[in-house]
Amino acid sequence: MATNRTRNAILRHLREFRAKGGVAHFAGSEAQATRAALGIEGMTNVEAFESVIARITTMFETITGLWKLHCPKRRRP
């Protein structure tokens, strides 16, 4: 089961990925390490995109659930 820490790591890995210019600017082992960090090794571009988006969606659903649980709606005056 993924922990909150591993769920949130996707954003950090995406930020690093973007900061380095994306796949086109990677070479050799750096590209492999980045793909491994994102969990997209051996995937097509479409599969990688779907994988990353699914994990980001799960992360936001988790945040939304926690928000609803711990931050009840305010009543308007």
Protein backbone atom coordinates (compact mmCIF):
# COMPACT_ATOMS: atom_id res chain seq x y z
CA MET A 1 0.00 0.00 0.00
CA ALA A 2 1.34 3.41 -0.94
CA THR A 3 2.00 5.82 1.88
CA ASN A 4 1.29 9.53 1.74
CA ARG A 5 5.02 10.08 1.35
CA THR A 6 5.25 7.87 -1.76
CA ARG A 7 2.04 9.36 -3.17
CA ASN A 8 3.43 12.87 -2.79
CA ALA A 9 6.82 11.94 -4.23
CA ILE A 10 5.29 12.00 -7.71
CA LEU A 11 5.13 15.80 -7.62
CA ARG A 12 8.77 16.08 -6.54
CA HIS A 13 9.86 13.71 -9.31
CA LEU A 14 7.81 15.58 -11.89
CA ARG A 15 9.31 18.89 -10.77
CA GLU A 16 12.82 17.45 -11.13
CA PHE A 17 11.89 15.98 -14.49
CA ARG A 18 10.56 19.34 -15.72
CA ALA A 19 13.50 21.31 -14.27
CA LYS A 20 15.90 19.20 -16.32
CA GLY A 21 14.00 19.88 -19.53
CA GLY A 22 12.08 16.63 -19.92
CA VAL A 23 13.11 13.44 -21.68
CA ALA A 24 14.59 15.14 -24.75
CA HIS A 25 17.37 16.69 -22.65
CA PHE A 26 18.39 13.61 -20.70
CA ALA A 27 21.29 11.42 -21.65
CA GLY A 28 22.14 7.83 -20.72
CA SER A 29 21.96 6.91 -17.06
CA GLU A 30 20.37 10.22 -16.06
CA ALA A 31 17.37 9.44 -18.27
CA GLN A 32 17.13 5.93 -16.85
CA ALA A 33 17.36 7.20 -13.27
CA THR A 34 14.65 9.77 -13.89
CA ARG A 35 12.35 7.24 -15.54
CA ALA A 36 12.97 4.88 -12.62
CA ALA A 37 12.17 7.62 -10.09
CA LEU A 38 8.90 8.29 -11.89
CA GLY A 39 8.18 4.56 -12.19
CA ILE A 40 7.85 4.74 -15.97
CA GLU A 41 10.74 2.59 -17.16
CA GLY A 42 9.86 0.55 -20.22
CA MET A 43 6.58 2.37 -20.82
CA THR A 44 5.50 4.11 -23.98
CA ASN A 45 4.96 7.87 -23.71
CA VAL A 46 1.20 7.34 -23.51
CA GLU A 47 1.53 4.67 -20.81
CA ALA A 48 3.94 6.87 -18.85
CA PHE A 49 1.57 9.84 -19.07
CA GLU A 50 -1.39 7.75 -17.94
CA SER A 51 0.63 6.32 -15.06
CA VAL A 52 1.74 9.72 -13.80
CA ILE A 53 -1.72 11.25 -14.17
CA ALA A 54 -3.34 8.32 -12.32
CA ARG A 55 -0.95 8.76 -9.40
CA ILE A 56 -1.45 12.52 -9.28
CA THR A 57 -5.22 12.00 -9.33
CA THR A 58 -4.94 9.53 -6.43
CA MET A 59 -2.81 12.02 -4.50
CA PHE A 60 -5.36 14.82 -4.99
CA GLU A 61 -8.24 12.50 -4.06
CA THR A 62 -6.38 11.64 -0.85
CA ILE A 63 -5.81 15.32 -0.06
CA THR A 64 -9.48 16.09 -0.78
CA GLY A 65 -10.61 13.26 1.50
CA LEU A 66 -8.36 14.44 4.32
CA TRP A 67 -9.54 18.02 3.84
CA LYS A 68 -13.18 16.99 4.07
CA LEU A 69 -12.48 14.85 7.12
CA HIS A 70 -10.48 17.42 9.07
CA CYS A 71 -11.84 20.74 7.80
CA PRO A 72 -15.60 20.77 8.15
CA LYS A 73 -17.60 23.19 6.05
CA ARG A 74 -17.95 26.64 7.50
CA ARG A 75 -21.42 27.94 7.94
CA ARG A 76 -22.07 31.21 6.22
CA PRO A 77 -23.34 34.03 8.45
